[in-house]
Amino acid sequence: MARRPRPKAVTLTDEAATRMQEIMAAAEDNFIGVRIGVKNGGCAGMEYTMDYAEAAQPLEEVVEDNGVTIFIDPKAILFLLGTEIDYVVEKLSSRFVFNNPNQTDACGCGESVTIVPARQQSVEA
């Protein structure tokens, strides 16, 4: 019996993928993708992290979406399941935005968030 495809842990909008590709193409080093995660910090408790990825790290979740390779820190995977990353251009700023269904709150300045781990869903055989 064939297994159904596993849903992607994180997805990118077309705008986010295009901007990530532009940034990586302009980088001085040859990076293989983008590493995302979360860390403790800010007034709401957690902050999203993004960085260049030079190589895969042990136990990372690897997602290919819209032509970009995304490496997800294994400690962050339950906090990021179902997240869509967008790139927003406004009148005076531009930034990546994490549309995360696990996010329950954010601080007023938008720099930190409160995130609860995704619940494990039972899968019927």
Protein backbone atom coordinates (compact mmCIF):
# COMPACT_ATOMS: atom_id res chain seq x y z
CA MET A 1 0.00 0.00 0.00
CA ALA A 2 1.41 3.37 -1.02
CA ARG A 3 1.87 5.96 1.70
CA ARG A 4 0.22 9.29 1.23
CA PRO A 5 2.62 12.21 0.91
CA ARG A 6 3.51 13.87 4.19
CA PRO A 7 2.44 17.53 4.38
CA LYS A 8 5.24 20.10 4.44
CA ALA A 9 6.02 21.38 7.92
CA VAL A 10 6.52 24.92 6.58
CA THR A 11 5.56 26.55 3.29
CA LEU A 12 6.62 29.73 1.49
CA THR A 13 4.49 32.19 -0.43
CA ASP A 14 5.74 33.06 -3.91
CA GLU A 15 6.89 36.44 -2.56
CA ALA A 16 8.92 34.89 0.28
CA ALA A 17 10.52 32.33 -2.04
CA THR A 18 11.48 34.99 -4.58
CA ARG A 19 13.02 37.23 -1.90
CA MET A 20 14.93 34.33 -0.31
CA GLN A 21 16.32 33.35 -3.72
CA GLU A 22 17.37 36.97 -4.37
CA ILE A 23 19.10 37.24 -0.98
CA MET A 24 20.93 33.93 -1.41
CA ALA A 25 22.01 34.82 -4.96
CA ALA A 26 23.50 38.11 -3.69
CA ALA A 27 25.31 36.49 -0.75
CA GLU A 28 29.09 36.28 -0.88
CA ASP A 29 29.14 32.61 0.14
CA ASN A 30 27.43 29.70 -1.58
CA PHE A 31 24.61 28.72 0.78
CA ILE A 32 22.39 25.68 0.23
CA GLY A 33 19.25 27.08 1.85
CA VAL A 34 17.67 28.90 4.76
CA ARG A 35 17.63 27.69 8.37
CA ILE A 36 14.65 28.68 10.52
CA GLY A 37 13.87 28.15 14.16
CA VAL A 38 12.71 29.81 17.35
CA LYS A 39 14.58 31.03 20.41
CA ASN A 40 13.61 32.32 23.82
CA GLY A 41 13.49 36.09 23.94
CA GLY A 42 11.47 39.26 23.74
CA CYS A 43 8.58 40.36 25.88
CA ALA A 44 6.19 37.68 24.51
CA GLY A 45 8.61 34.81 25.17
CA MET A 46 9.91 33.59 21.77
CA GLU A 47 11.43 34.99 18.60
CA TYR A 48 11.65 33.48 15.13
CA THR A 49 15.13 32.98 13.72
CA MET A 50 16.33 32.87 10.11
CA ASP A 51 19.84 32.36 8.84
CA TYR A 52 21.76 31.04 5.88
CA ALA A 53 22.38 27.29 5.82
CA GLU A 54 25.80 26.08 4.69
CA ALA A 55 25.10 22.39 5.38
CA ALA A 56 22.39 20.23 6.90
CA GLN A 57 22.63 19.63 10.64
CA PRO A 58 21.71 16.32 12.34
CA LEU A 59 17.98 15.73 12.88
CA GLU A 60 16.87 18.84 10.98
CA GLU A 61 13.63 18.69 9.02
CA VAL A 62 14.37 19.56 5.39
CA VAL A 63 11.60 21.11 3.30
CA GLU A 64 11.78 21.99 -0.40
CA ASP A 65 9.20 24.62 -1.32
CA ASN A 66 8.97 27.05 -4.22
CA GLY A 67 12.59 26.40 -5.21
CA VAL A 68 14.02 27.07 -1.73
CA THR A 69 15.49 24.52 0.67
CA ILE A 70 14.42 25.19 4.25
CA PHE A 71 16.17 23.58 7.22
CA ILE A 72 14.13 23.53 10.43
CA ASP A 73 15.88 23.32 13.79
CA PRO A 74 14.69 20.05 15.40
CA LYS A 75 13.91 21.87 18.69
CA ALA A 76 11.57 24.21 16.78
CA ILE A 77 9.62 21.80 14.58
CA LEU A 78 6.59 21.44 16.88
CA PHE A 79 6.40 25.23 17.21
CA LEU A 80 6.53 25.77 13.43
CA LEU A 81 4.26 23.02 12.04
CA GLY A 82 1.80 24.50 9.59
CA THR A 83 3.58 27.86 9.32
CA GLU A 84 3.47 29.83 6.09
CA ILE A 85 6.31 32.31 5.59
CA ASP A 86 5.43 35.41 3.59
CA TYR A 87 7.40 38.46 2.49
CA VAL A 88 5.56 41.76 2.95
CA VAL A 89 6.50 45.12 1.44
CA GLU A 90 4.88 48.12 3.12
CA LYS A 91 5.28 51.84 2.62
CA LEU A 92 8.26 52.21 4.96
CA SER A 93 9.46 48.63 5.54
CA SER A 94 9.73 45.12 4.18
CA ARG A 95 10.03 41.91 6.16
CA PHE A 96 9.41 38.20 6.37
CA VAL A 97 6.21 37.32 8.23
CA PHE A 98 5.55 33.97 9.90
CA ASN A 99 1.83 33.09 9.64
CA ASN A 100 1.88 30.43 12.35
CA PRO A 101 -1.28 28.60 13.51
CA ASN A 102 0.54 27.72 16.76
CA GLN A 103 1.15 31.37 17.66
CA THR A 104 -1.19 32.49 20.43
CA ASP A 105 0.06 36.04 21.07
CA ALA A 106 2.57 38.67 19.94
CA CYS A 107 4.11 41.70 21.57
CA GLY A 108 3.06 45.17 20.47
CA CYS A 109 6.21 45.82 18.44
CA GLY A 110 5.94 42.49 16.61
CA GLU A 111 9.44 41.34 17.53
CA SER A 112 8.42 38.41 19.73
CA VAL A 113 5.57 35.92 19.96
CA THR A 114 4.00 33.33 22.19
CA ILE A 115 3.88 29.90 20.53
CA VAL A 116 2.51 26.60 21.79
CA PRO A 117 3.73 23.28 20.36
CA ALA A 118 1.45 21.69 17.77
CA ARG A 119 -0.54 18.77 19.10
CA GLN A 120 0.24 15.37 17.68
CA GLN A 121 -2.74 14.19 15.64
CA SER A 122 -3.61 10.54 15.52
CA VAL A 123 -3.47 8.98 12.07
CA GLU A 124 -5.85 6.17 11.25
CA ALA A 125 -4.29 3.21 9.48
